[in-house]
């Protein structure tokens, strides 16, 4: 009974058990990516006839299109502002509820409520909130004398992106706060007690104990929120649909519009490939810089 049966410890047996899962993951993860890469080399329109090979010329035509540069500028503004503001609001919320006060457990649970609400539902709520005629925001600001007329927060090109960024920050800061709360719990309290003995003030504790102790969690959370924000579809599409005048279009919403509204599968595939490559490059550079600092 104590002996191992012959062949049970063979590497081939382990490969046989894991191979189906590995093959399934490769097919599901890399199959669509390879297919999209191939499709991006063709001028393929569902309303047209057949496939016309364009190769790299299709990518050059995409960059020459007047709206492409604007879309990536929008994506840069959208990603940077949402990620940074989620970091600041999430860190502030985590630091606030980490202290003992009345009903702090209730506020801990309240913080993550926006995050667990489906994105489409959250966007519909805020769309009503921003409504130019019936929205609560215009009514409240008029009653306290800040506004003299109704403002179309989602219809004016100068305000639409900022309004969408505010919604995305509200929707996503709960995840950042949850991560930072976990990071705060992992910092030994002895460090703060030693700081009290040495006469360290609150700001010195924050910059020399709290931030270094949460460094790894902050780096990981920033990377995740940055990637998720770049690919965030629901908020933009439900609030503005990419308008007005393409001022809020980001790659993921523009890909959807080209593919399912304009039936231009080739151009949408090219933009998807470019977006995937850009996200990969930024992620690699970010990880290399953070590892170099460590």
C-alpha atoms as a PDB file:
ATOM      1  CA  UNK A   1       0.000   0.000   0.000  1.00  0.00           C
ATOM      2  CA  UNK A   2       2.933   2.306   0.718  1.00  0.00           C
ATOM      3  CA  UNK A   3       4.407   1.830  -2.731  1.00  0.00           C
ATOM      4  CA  UNK A   4       3.727   4.185  -5.591  1.00  0.00           C
ATOM      5  CA  UNK A   5       2.138   2.481  -8.503  1.00  0.00           C
ATOM      6  CA  UNK A   6       4.257   2.485 -11.607  1.00  0.00           C
ATOM      7  CA  UNK A   7       3.541   5.424 -13.913  1.00  0.00           C
ATOM      8  CA  UNK A   8       1.553   7.530 -11.395  1.00  0.00           C
ATOM      9  CA  UNK A   9       4.478   9.942 -10.959  1.00  0.00           C
ATOM     10  CA  UNK A  10       5.186  10.194 -14.676  1.00  0.00           C
ATOM     11  CA  UNK A  11       5.370  13.764 -16.150  1.00  0.00           C
ATOM     12  CA  UNK A  12       3.307  12.534 -19.102  1.00  0.00           C
ATOM     13  CA  UNK A  13       0.393  11.844 -16.775  1.00  0.00           C
ATOM     14  CA  UNK A  14       0.456  15.433 -15.513  1.00  0.00           C
ATOM     15  CA  UNK A  15       0.594  16.743 -19.072  1.00  0.00           C
ATOM     16  CA  UNK A  16      -2.350  14.548 -20.045  1.00  0.00           C
ATOM     17  CA  UNK A  17      -4.472  15.984 -17.210  1.00  0.00           C
ATOM     18  CA  UNK A  18      -3.546  19.634 -17.799  1.00  0.00           C
ATOM     19  CA  UNK A  19      -3.447  19.612 -21.610  1.00  0.00           C
ATOM     20  CA  UNK A  20      -7.237  20.009 -22.163  1.00  0.00           C
ATOM     21  CA  UNK A  21      -7.385  23.062 -19.902  1.00  0.00           C
ATOM     22  CA  UNK A  22      -4.288  24.629 -21.444  1.00  0.00           C
ATOM     23  CA  UNK A  23      -5.559  24.033 -24.977  1.00  0.00           C
ATOM     24  CA  UNK A  24      -8.973  25.484 -24.099  1.00  0.00           C
ATOM     25  CA  UNK A  25      -7.375  28.609 -22.627  1.00  0.00           C
ATOM     26  CA  UNK A  26      -5.149  29.064 -25.674  1.00  0.00           C
ATOM     27  CA  UNK A  27      -8.098  28.719 -28.046  1.00  0.00           C
ATOM     28  CA  UNK A  28     -10.362  31.065 -26.069  1.00  0.00           C
ATOM     29  CA  UNK A  29      -7.715  33.696 -25.282  1.00  0.00           C
ATOM     30  CA  UNK A  30      -5.427  33.754 -28.282  1.00  0.00           C
ATOM     31  CA  UNK A  31      -7.767  32.464 -30.984  1.00  0.00           C
ATOM     32  CA  UNK A  32      -9.860  35.658 -31.195  1.00  0.00           C
ATOM     33  CA  UNK A  33      -6.715  37.788 -30.989  1.00  0.00           C
ATOM     34  CA  UNK A  34      -5.096  35.988 -33.910  1.00  0.00           C
ATOM     35  CA  UNK A  35      -8.315  36.122 -35.941  1.00  0.00           C
ATOM     36  CA  UNK A  36      -8.679  39.847 -35.279  1.00  0.00           C
ATOM     37  CA  UNK A  37      -5.066  40.430 -36.282  1.00  0.00           C
ATOM     38  CA  UNK A  38      -5.694  38.660 -39.596  1.00  0.00           C
ATOM     39  CA  UNK A  39      -8.953  40.553 -40.175  1.00  0.00           C
ATOM     40  CA  UNK A  40      -7.170  43.868 -39.581  1.00  0.00           C
ATOM     41  CA  UNK A  41      -5.103  43.261 -42.721  1.00  0.00           C
ATOM     42  CA  UNK A  42      -8.221  43.321 -44.899  1.00  0.00           C
ATOM     43  CA  UNK A  43     -10.728  45.965 -45.905  1.00  0.00           C
ATOM     44  CA  UNK A  44     -13.753  43.988 -44.785  1.00  0.00           C
ATOM     45  CA  UNK A  45     -17.147  45.664 -44.744  1.00  0.00           C
ATOM     46  CA  UNK A  46     -20.270  43.657 -43.977  1.00  0.00           C
ATOM     47  CA  UNK A  47     -22.242  45.885 -46.332  1.00  0.00           C
ATOM     48  CA  UNK A  48     -19.756  45.316 -49.147  1.00  0.00           C
ATOM     49  CA  UNK A  49     -18.628  42.238 -50.996  1.00  0.00           C
ATOM     50  CA  UNK A  50     -15.610  40.065 -50.189  1.00  0.00           C
ATOM     51  CA  UNK A  51     -12.287  40.852 -48.546  1.00  0.00           C
ATOM     52  CA  UNK A  52      -9.740  43.258 -50.017  1.00  0.00           C
ATOM     53  CA  UNK A  53      -6.203  42.822 -48.696  1.00  0.00           C
ATOM     54  CA  UNK A  54      -4.732  46.132 -47.508  1.00  0.00           C
ATOM     55  CA  UNK A  55      -1.838  45.045 -45.288  1.00  0.00           C
ATOM     56  CA  UNK A  56      -0.020  47.863 -43.533  1.00  0.00           C
ATOM     57  CA  UNK A  57      -1.740  50.372 -45.824  1.00  0.00           C
ATOM     58  CA  UNK A  58      -4.945  49.943 -43.869  1.00  0.00           C
ATOM     59  CA  UNK A  59      -3.177  51.001 -40.671  1.00  0.00           C
ATOM     60  CA  UNK A  60      -1.729  54.071 -42.409  1.00  0.00           C
ATOM     61  CA  UNK A  61      -5.160  55.035 -43.691  1.00  0.00           C
ATOM     62  CA  UNK A  62      -6.555  54.677 -40.176  1.00  0.00           C
ATOM     63  CA  UNK A  63      -3.971  57.087 -38.764  1.00  0.00           C
ATOM     64  CA  UNK A  64      -4.652  59.530 -41.594  1.00  0.00           C
ATOM     65  CA  UNK A  65      -8.351  59.598 -40.737  1.00  0.00           C
ATOM     66  CA  UNK A  66      -9.224  62.911 -39.043  1.00  0.00           C
ATOM     67  CA  UNK A  67     -11.012  61.337 -36.105  1.00  0.00           C
ATOM     68  CA  UNK A  68      -8.370  58.814 -35.049  1.00  0.00           C
ATOM     69  CA  UNK A  69      -5.965  61.277 -33.427  1.00  0.00           C
ATOM     70  CA  UNK A  70      -8.847  62.930 -31.573  1.00  0.00           C
ATOM     71  CA  UNK A  71      -9.995  59.576 -30.220  1.00  0.00           C
ATOM     72  CA  UNK A  72      -6.587  58.721 -28.789  1.00  0.00           C
ATOM     73  CA  UNK A  73      -6.291  62.205 -27.283  1.00  0.00           C
ATOM     74  CA  UNK A  74      -9.662  61.632 -25.626  1.00  0.00           C
ATOM     75  CA  UNK A  75      -8.459  58.262 -24.368  1.00  0.00           C
ATOM     76  CA  UNK A  76      -5.327  59.838 -22.882  1.00  0.00           C
ATOM     77  CA  UNK A  77      -7.297  62.516 -21.029  1.00  0.00           C
ATOM     78  CA  UNK A  78      -9.965  60.026 -19.948  1.00  0.00           C
ATOM     79  CA  UNK A  79      -7.507  57.409 -18.655  1.00  0.00           C
ATOM     80  CA  UNK A  80      -5.137  59.776 -16.841  1.00  0.00           C
ATOM     81  CA  UNK A  81      -7.804  61.829 -15.085  1.00  0.00           C
ATOM     82  CA  UNK A  82     -10.015  58.903 -14.079  1.00  0.00           C
ATOM     83  CA  UNK A  83      -7.077  56.820 -12.818  1.00  0.00           C
ATOM     84  CA  UNK A  84      -5.491  59.650 -10.841  1.00  0.00           C
ATOM     85  CA  UNK A  85      -8.759  60.863  -9.337  1.00  0.00           C
ATOM     86  CA  UNK A  86      -9.794  57.327  -8.398  1.00  0.00           C
ATOM     87  CA  UNK A  87      -6.437  56.955  -6.665  1.00  0.00           C
ATOM     88  CA  UNK A  88      -6.843  60.179  -4.681  1.00  0.00           C
ATOM     89  CA  UNK A  89     -10.502  59.663  -3.750  1.00  0.00           C
ATOM     90  CA  UNK A  90      -9.988  55.965  -3.015  1.00  0.00           C
ATOM     91  CA  UNK A  91      -6.956  56.643  -0.797  1.00  0.00           C
ATOM     92  CA  UNK A  92      -8.785  59.413   1.051  1.00  0.00           C
ATOM     93  CA  UNK A  93     -11.803  57.141   1.621  1.00  0.00           C
ATOM     94  CA  UNK A  94      -9.587  54.285   2.830  1.00  0.00           C
ATOM     95  CA  UNK A  95      -7.726  56.529   5.273  1.00  0.00           C
ATOM     96  CA  UNK A  96     -11.013  57.964   6.558  1.00  0.00           C
ATOM     97  CA  UNK A  97     -12.828  54.695   7.272  1.00  0.00           C
ATOM     98  CA  UNK A  98      -9.675  53.001   8.591  1.00  0.00           C
ATOM     99  CA  UNK A  99     -10.043  55.007  11.796  1.00  0.00           C
ATOM    100  CA  UNK A 100     -12.432  54.020  14.551  1.00  0.00           C
ATOM    101  CA  UNK A 101     -15.519  56.235  14.698  1.00  0.00           C
ATOM    102  CA  UNK A 102     -19.257  55.857  14.992  1.00  0.00           C
ATOM    103  CA  UNK A 103     -20.725  53.544  12.307  1.00  0.00           C
ATOM    104  CA  UNK A 104     -17.390  53.206  10.487  1.00  0.00           C
ATOM    105  CA  UNK A 105     -18.350  49.655   9.426  1.00  0.00           C
ATOM    106  CA  UNK A 106     -21.457  51.027   7.751  1.00  0.00           C
ATOM    107  CA  UNK A 107     -19.404  53.567   5.814  1.00  0.00           C
ATOM    108  CA  UNK A 108     -16.959  50.844   4.768  1.00  0.00           C
ATOM    109  CA  UNK A 109     -19.830  48.973   3.151  1.00  0.00           C
ATOM    110  CA  UNK A 110     -21.273  52.187   1.689  1.00  0.00           C
ATOM    111  CA  UNK A 111     -18.037  53.017  -0.124  1.00  0.00           C
ATOM    112  CA  UNK A 112     -18.152  49.933  -2.338  1.00  0.00           C
ATOM    113  CA  UNK A 113     -21.817  50.357  -3.330  1.00  0.00           C
ATOM    114  CA  UNK A 114     -21.059  52.431  -6.476  1.00  0.00           C
ATOM    115  CA  UNK A 115     -18.480  49.857  -7.559  1.00  0.00           C
ATOM    116  CA  UNK A 116     -20.861  46.903  -7.356  1.00  0.00           C
ATOM    117  CA  UNK A 117     -23.651  48.688  -9.270  1.00  0.00           C
ATOM    118  CA  UNK A 118     -23.649  47.554 -12.930  1.00  0.00           C
ATOM    119  CA  UNK A 119     -22.016  50.131 -15.181  1.00  0.00           C
ATOM    120  CA  UNK A 120     -25.065  50.550 -17.400  1.00  0.00           C
ATOM    121  CA  UNK A 121     -27.338  51.163 -14.411  1.00  0.00           C
ATOM    122  CA  UNK A 122     -24.904  53.690 -12.919  1.00  0.00           C
ATOM    123  CA  UNK A 123     -24.639  55.535 -16.228  1.00  0.00           C
ATOM    124  CA  UNK A 124     -28.441  55.694 -16.595  1.00  0.00           C
ATOM    125  CA  UNK A 125     -28.766  57.136 -13.076  1.00  0.00           C
ATOM    126  CA  UNK A 126     -26.194  59.831 -13.802  1.00  0.00           C
ATOM    127  CA  UNK A 127     -27.734  60.554 -17.190  1.00  0.00           C
ATOM    128  CA  UNK A 128     -30.956  61.445 -15.419  1.00  0.00           C
ATOM    129  CA  UNK A 129     -28.967  63.411 -12.840  1.00  0.00           C
ATOM    130  CA  UNK A 130     -27.319  65.447 -15.645  1.00  0.00           C
ATOM    131  CA  UNK A 131     -30.534  65.931 -17.670  1.00  0.00           C
ATOM    132  CA  UNK A 132     -30.687  69.499 -18.961  1.00  0.00           C
ATOM    133  CA  UNK A 133     -34.400  70.076 -18.214  1.00  0.00           C
ATOM    134  CA  UNK A 134     -35.329  67.635 -15.456  1.00  0.00           C
ATOM    135  CA  UNK A 135     -31.993  66.755 -13.882  1.00  0.00           C
ATOM    136  CA  UNK A 136     -31.390  67.245 -10.174  1.00  0.00           C
ATOM    137  CA  UNK A 137     -28.000  68.912 -10.737  1.00  0.00           C
ATOM    138  CA  UNK A 138     -29.373  71.848 -12.750  1.00  0.00           C
ATOM    139  CA  UNK A 139     -32.317  72.292 -10.394  1.00  0.00           C
ATOM    140  CA  UNK A 140     -30.127  72.296  -7.296  1.00  0.00           C
ATOM    141  CA  UNK A 141     -27.533  74.688  -8.723  1.00  0.00           C
ATOM    142  CA  UNK A 142     -30.244  77.097  -9.876  1.00  0.00           C
ATOM    143  CA  UNK A 143     -31.979  77.128  -6.516  1.00  0.00           C
ATOM    144  CA  UNK A 144     -28.794  78.044  -4.669  1.00  0.00           C
ATOM    145  CA  UNK A 145     -28.004  80.727  -7.249  1.00  0.00           C
ATOM    146  CA  UNK A 146     -24.954  79.246  -8.947  1.00  0.00           C
ATOM    147  CA  UNK A 147     -26.601  78.793 -12.345  1.00  0.00           C
ATOM    148  CA  UNK A 148     -28.858  81.239 -14.169  1.00  0.00           C
ATOM    149  CA  UNK A 149     -29.841  78.829 -16.946  1.00  0.00           C
ATOM    150  CA  UNK A 150     -30.003  75.125 -17.520  1.00  0.00           C
ATOM    151  CA  UNK A 151     -26.711  73.554 -18.629  1.00  0.00           C
ATOM    152  CA  UNK A 152     -26.545  70.572 -20.972  1.00  0.00           C
ATOM    153  CA  UNK A 153     -23.724  68.773 -19.148  1.00  0.00           C
ATOM    154  CA  UNK A 154     -23.556  65.900 -21.637  1.00  0.00           C
ATOM    155  CA  UNK A 155     -24.394  67.892 -24.778  1.00  0.00           C
ATOM    156  CA  UNK A 156     -21.810  70.684 -24.644  1.00  0.00           C
ATOM    157  CA  UNK A 157     -18.388  69.692 -26.039  1.00  0.00           C
ATOM    158  CA  UNK A 158     -16.500  71.560 -23.296  1.00  0.00           C
ATOM    159  CA  UNK A 159     -18.372  69.811 -20.459  1.00  0.00           C
ATOM    160  CA  UNK A 160     -19.139  66.307 -21.727  1.00  0.00           C
ATOM    161  CA  UNK A 161     -15.758  64.690 -21.029  1.00  0.00           C
ATOM    162  CA  UNK A 162     -15.489  66.191 -17.553  1.00  0.00           C
ATOM    163  CA  UNK A 163     -19.004  65.034 -16.718  1.00  0.00           C
ATOM    164  CA  UNK A 164     -18.199  61.491 -17.866  1.00  0.00           C
ATOM    165  CA  UNK A 165     -14.940  61.487 -15.886  1.00  0.00           C
ATOM    166  CA  UNK A 166     -16.846  62.420 -12.720  1.00  0.00           C
ATOM    167  CA  UNK A 167     -19.194  59.465 -13.210  1.00  0.00           C
ATOM    168  CA  UNK A 168     -16.302  57.050 -13.806  1.00  0.00           C
ATOM    169  CA  UNK A 169     -14.516  58.241 -10.656  1.00  0.00           C
ATOM    170  CA  UNK A 170     -17.680  57.827  -8.586  1.00  0.00           C
ATOM    171  CA  UNK A 171     -18.248  54.385 -10.076  1.00  0.00           C
ATOM    172  CA  UNK A 172     -14.728  53.047  -9.604  1.00  0.00           C
ATOM    173  CA  UNK A 173     -13.228  54.646  -6.503  1.00  0.00           C
ATOM    174  CA  UNK A 174     -14.739  51.926  -4.303  1.00  0.00           C
ATOM    175  CA  UNK A 175     -12.396  49.319  -5.787  1.00  0.00           C
ATOM    176  CA  UNK A 176      -9.373  51.507  -5.094  1.00  0.00           C
ATOM    177  CA  UNK A 177     -10.605  52.199  -1.564  1.00  0.00           C
ATOM    178  CA  UNK A 178     -11.095  48.477  -0.933  1.00  0.00           C
ATOM    179  CA  UNK A 179      -7.558  47.707  -2.098  1.00  0.00           C
ATOM    180  CA  UNK A 180      -6.064  50.518  -0.031  1.00  0.00           C
ATOM    181  CA  UNK A 181      -8.007  49.488   3.055  1.00  0.00           C
ATOM    182  CA  UNK A 182      -6.441  46.047   2.746  1.00  0.00           C
ATOM    183  CA  UNK A 183      -3.036  47.678   2.368  1.00  0.00           C
ATOM    184  CA  UNK A 184      -3.535  49.772   5.496  1.00  0.00           C
ATOM    185  CA  UNK A 185      -4.429  46.684   7.491  1.00  0.00           C
ATOM    186  CA  UNK A 186      -1.150  45.036   6.452  1.00  0.00           C
ATOM    187  CA  UNK A 187       1.049  47.819   7.899  1.00  0.00           C
ATOM    188  CA  UNK A 188       2.338  46.860  11.386  1.00  0.00           C
ATOM    189  CA  UNK A 189       0.967  49.156  14.074  1.00  0.00           C
ATOM    190  CA  UNK A 190       4.334  49.054  15.817  1.00  0.00           C
ATOM    191  CA  UNK A 191       5.687  51.419  13.176  1.00  0.00           C
ATOM    192  CA  UNK A 192       3.112  54.063  14.072  1.00  0.00           C
ATOM    193  CA  UNK A 193       3.749  53.543  17.786  1.00  0.00           C
ATOM    194  CA  UNK A 194       7.473  53.991  17.216  1.00  0.00           C
ATOM    195  CA  UNK A 195       6.690  57.167  15.292  1.00  0.00           C
ATOM    196  CA  UNK A 196       4.693  58.485  18.253  1.00  0.00           C
ATOM    197  CA  UNK A 197       7.648  57.861  20.541  1.00  0.00           C
ATOM    198  CA  UNK A 198       9.951  59.752  18.151  1.00  0.00           C
ATOM    199  CA  UNK A 199       7.535  62.684  17.898  1.00  0.00           C
ATOM    200  CA  UNK A 200       6.575  62.101  14.258  1.00  0.00           C
ATOM    201  CA  UNK A 201       3.606  64.170  13.058  1.00  0.00           C
ATOM    202  CA  UNK A 202       0.669  62.997  10.954  1.00  0.00           C
ATOM    203  CA  UNK A 203       2.140  64.035   7.601  1.00  0.00           C
ATOM    204  CA  UNK A 204       5.465  62.359   8.316  1.00  0.00           C
ATOM    205  CA  UNK A 205       3.652  59.151   9.252  1.00  0.00           C
ATOM    206  CA  UNK A 206       1.743  59.280   5.976  1.00  0.00           C
ATOM    207  CA  UNK A 207       4.753  59.876   3.729  1.00  0.00           C
ATOM    208  CA  UNK A 208       7.298  57.703   5.544  1.00  0.00           C
ATOM    209  CA  UNK A 209       5.168  54.850   6.911  1.00  0.00           C
ATOM    210  CA  UNK A 210       1.798  54.614   5.147  1.00  0.00           C
ATOM    211  CA  UNK A 211       2.798  55.222   1.531  1.00  0.00           C
ATOM    212  CA  UNK A 212       5.920  52.984   1.582  1.00  0.00           C
ATOM    213  CA  UNK A 213       3.930  50.249   3.314  1.00  0.00           C
ATOM    214  CA  UNK A 214       1.252  50.374   0.611  1.00  0.00           C
ATOM    215  CA  UNK A 215       3.599  50.867  -2.350  1.00  0.00           C
ATOM    216  CA  UNK A 216       3.037  47.473  -3.990  1.00  0.00           C
ATOM    217  CA  UNK A 217      -0.743  47.643  -3.627  1.00  0.00           C
ATOM    218  CA  UNK A 218      -0.822  51.193  -5.003  1.00  0.00           C
ATOM    219  CA  UNK A 219       1.245  50.194  -8.060  1.00  0.00           C
ATOM    220  CA  UNK A 220      -0.941  47.189  -8.791  1.00  0.00           C
ATOM    221  CA  UNK A 221      -4.177  49.129  -8.305  1.00  0.00           C
ATOM    222  CA  UNK A 222      -3.030  51.980 -10.551  1.00  0.00           C
ATOM    223  CA  UNK A 223      -2.120  49.524 -13.303  1.00  0.00           C
ATOM    224  CA  UNK A 224      -5.456  47.705 -13.070  1.00  0.00           C
ATOM    225  CA  UNK A 225      -7.570  50.862 -12.930  1.00  0.00           C
ATOM    226  CA  UNK A 226      -5.618  52.356 -15.833  1.00  0.00           C
ATOM    227  CA  UNK A 227      -6.224  49.339 -18.068  1.00  0.00           C
ATOM    228  CA  UNK A 228      -9.872  49.048 -17.040  1.00  0.00           C
ATOM    229  CA  UNK A 229     -10.471  52.760 -17.589  1.00  0.00           C
ATOM    230  CA  UNK A 230      -8.922  52.700 -21.064  1.00  0.00           C
ATOM    231  CA  UNK A 231     -11.327  49.884 -21.984  1.00  0.00           C
ATOM    232  CA  UNK A 232     -14.352  51.203 -20.083  1.00  0.00           C
ATOM    233  CA  UNK A 233     -17.295  51.038 -22.471  1.00  0.00           C
ATOM    234  CA  UNK A 234     -20.567  51.419 -20.564  1.00  0.00           C
ATOM    235  CA  UNK A 235     -20.096  54.850 -18.977  1.00  0.00           C
ATOM    236  CA  UNK A 236     -19.133  56.674 -22.165  1.00  0.00           C
ATOM    237  CA  UNK A 237     -21.558  54.871 -24.447  1.00  0.00           C
ATOM    238  CA  UNK A 238     -24.630  55.239 -22.240  1.00  0.00           C
ATOM    239  CA  UNK A 239     -23.917  58.836 -21.213  1.00  0.00           C
ATOM    240  CA  UNK A 240     -22.892  60.396 -24.516  1.00  0.00           C
ATOM    241  CA  UNK A 241     -22.510  57.689 -27.178  1.00  0.00           C
ATOM    242  CA  UNK A 242     -19.148  59.268 -28.012  1.00  0.00           C
ATOM    243  CA  UNK A 243     -20.575  62.712 -28.694  1.00  0.00           C
ATOM    244  CA  UNK A 244     -20.926  65.555 -28.940  1.00  0.00           C
ATOM    245  CA  UNK A 245     -18.675  65.965 -32.016  1.00  0.00           C
ATOM    246  CA  UNK A 246     -16.651  62.876 -30.992  1.00  0.00           C
ATOM    247  CA  UNK A 247     -15.386  64.745 -27.927  1.00  0.00           C
ATOM    248  CA  UNK A 248     -15.942  61.729 -25.664  1.00  0.00           C
ATOM    249  CA  UNK A 249     -15.229  58.893 -28.074  1.00  0.00           C
ATOM    250  CA  UNK A 250     -12.480  56.567 -26.844  1.00  0.00           C
ATOM    251  CA  UNK A 251     -11.105  53.572 -28.770  1.00  0.00           C
ATOM    252  CA  UNK A 252     -13.479  50.986 -27.318  1.00  0.00           C
ATOM    253  CA  UNK A 253     -16.627  53.010 -28.114  1.00  0.00           C
ATOM    254  CA  UNK A 254     -15.318  53.926 -31.556  1.00  0.00           C
ATOM    255  CA  UNK A 255     -14.525  50.270 -32.272  1.00  0.00           C
ATOM    256  CA  UNK A 256     -18.105  49.359 -31.402  1.00  0.00           C
ATOM    257  CA  UNK A 257     -19.492  52.117 -33.613  1.00  0.00           C
ATOM    258  CA  UNK A 258     -17.339  51.161 -36.603  1.00  0.00           C
ATOM    259  CA  UNK A 259     -18.051  47.451 -36.262  1.00  0.00           C
ATOM    260  CA  UNK A 260     -21.755  47.330 -35.399  1.00  0.00           C
ATOM    261  CA  UNK A 261     -23.094  50.622 -36.748  1.00  0.00           C
ATOM    262  CA  UNK A 262     -20.925  51.167 -39.816  1.00  0.00           C
ATOM    263  CA  UNK A 263     -20.314  47.420 -40.421  1.00  0.00           C
ATOM    264  CA  UNK A 264     -16.625  48.187 -41.042  1.00  0.00           C
ATOM    265  CA  UNK A 265     -15.019  45.135 -39.469  1.00  0.00           C
ATOM    266  CA  UNK A 266     -11.596  45.729 -41.001  1.00  0.00           C
ATOM    267  CA  UNK A 267     -11.132  49.254 -39.612  1.00  0.00           C
ATOM    268  CA  UNK A 268     -12.531  48.287 -36.220  1.00  0.00           C
ATOM    269  CA  UNK A 269     -10.118  45.336 -36.047  1.00  0.00           C
ATOM    270  CA  UNK A 270      -7.186  47.606 -36.870  1.00  0.00           C
ATOM    271  CA  UNK A 271      -8.133  50.035 -34.121  1.00  0.00           C
ATOM    272  CA  UNK A 272      -8.552  47.132 -31.674  1.00  0.00           C
ATOM    273  CA  UNK A 273      -5.085  45.796 -32.505  1.00  0.00           C
ATOM    274  CA  UNK A 274      -3.527  49.249 -32.065  1.00  0.00           C
ATOM    275  CA  UNK A 275      -5.301  49.712 -28.720  1.00  0.00           C
ATOM    276  CA  UNK A 276      -4.153  46.303 -27.495  1.00  0.00           C
ATOM    277  CA  UNK A 277      -0.543  47.003 -28.480  1.00  0.00           C
ATOM    278  CA  UNK A 278      -0.576  50.433 -26.818  1.00  0.00           C
ATOM    279  CA  UNK A 279      -1.980  49.051 -23.568  1.00  0.00           C
ATOM    280  CA  UNK A 280       0.608  46.269 -23.598  1.00  0.00           C
ATOM    281  CA  UNK A 281       3.490  48.698 -24.183  1.00  0.00           C
ATOM    282  CA  UNK A 282       2.343  51.066 -21.439  1.00  0.00           C
ATOM    283  CA  UNK A 283       1.876  48.172 -18.996  1.00  0.00           C
ATOM    284  CA  UNK A 284       5.365  46.793 -19.701  1.00  0.00           C
ATOM    285  CA  UNK A 285       6.993  50.227 -19.342  1.00  0.00           C
ATOM    286  CA  UNK A 286       5.087  50.870 -16.107  1.00  0.00           C
ATOM    287  CA  UNK A 287       6.121  47.536 -14.617  1.00  0.00           C
ATOM    288  CA  UNK A 288       9.744  48.012 -15.646  1.00  0.00           C
ATOM    289  CA  UNK A 289       9.870  51.491 -14.117  1.00  0.00           C
ATOM    290  CA  UNK A 290       8.304  50.373 -10.852  1.00  0.00           C
ATOM    291  CA  UNK A 291      10.581  47.346 -10.617  1.00  0.00           C
ATOM    292  CA  UNK A 292      13.597  49.551 -11.337  1.00  0.00           C
ATOM    293  CA  UNK A 293      12.597  51.873  -8.497  1.00  0.00           C
ATOM    294  CA  UNK A 294      12.391  48.914  -6.130  1.00  0.00           C
END
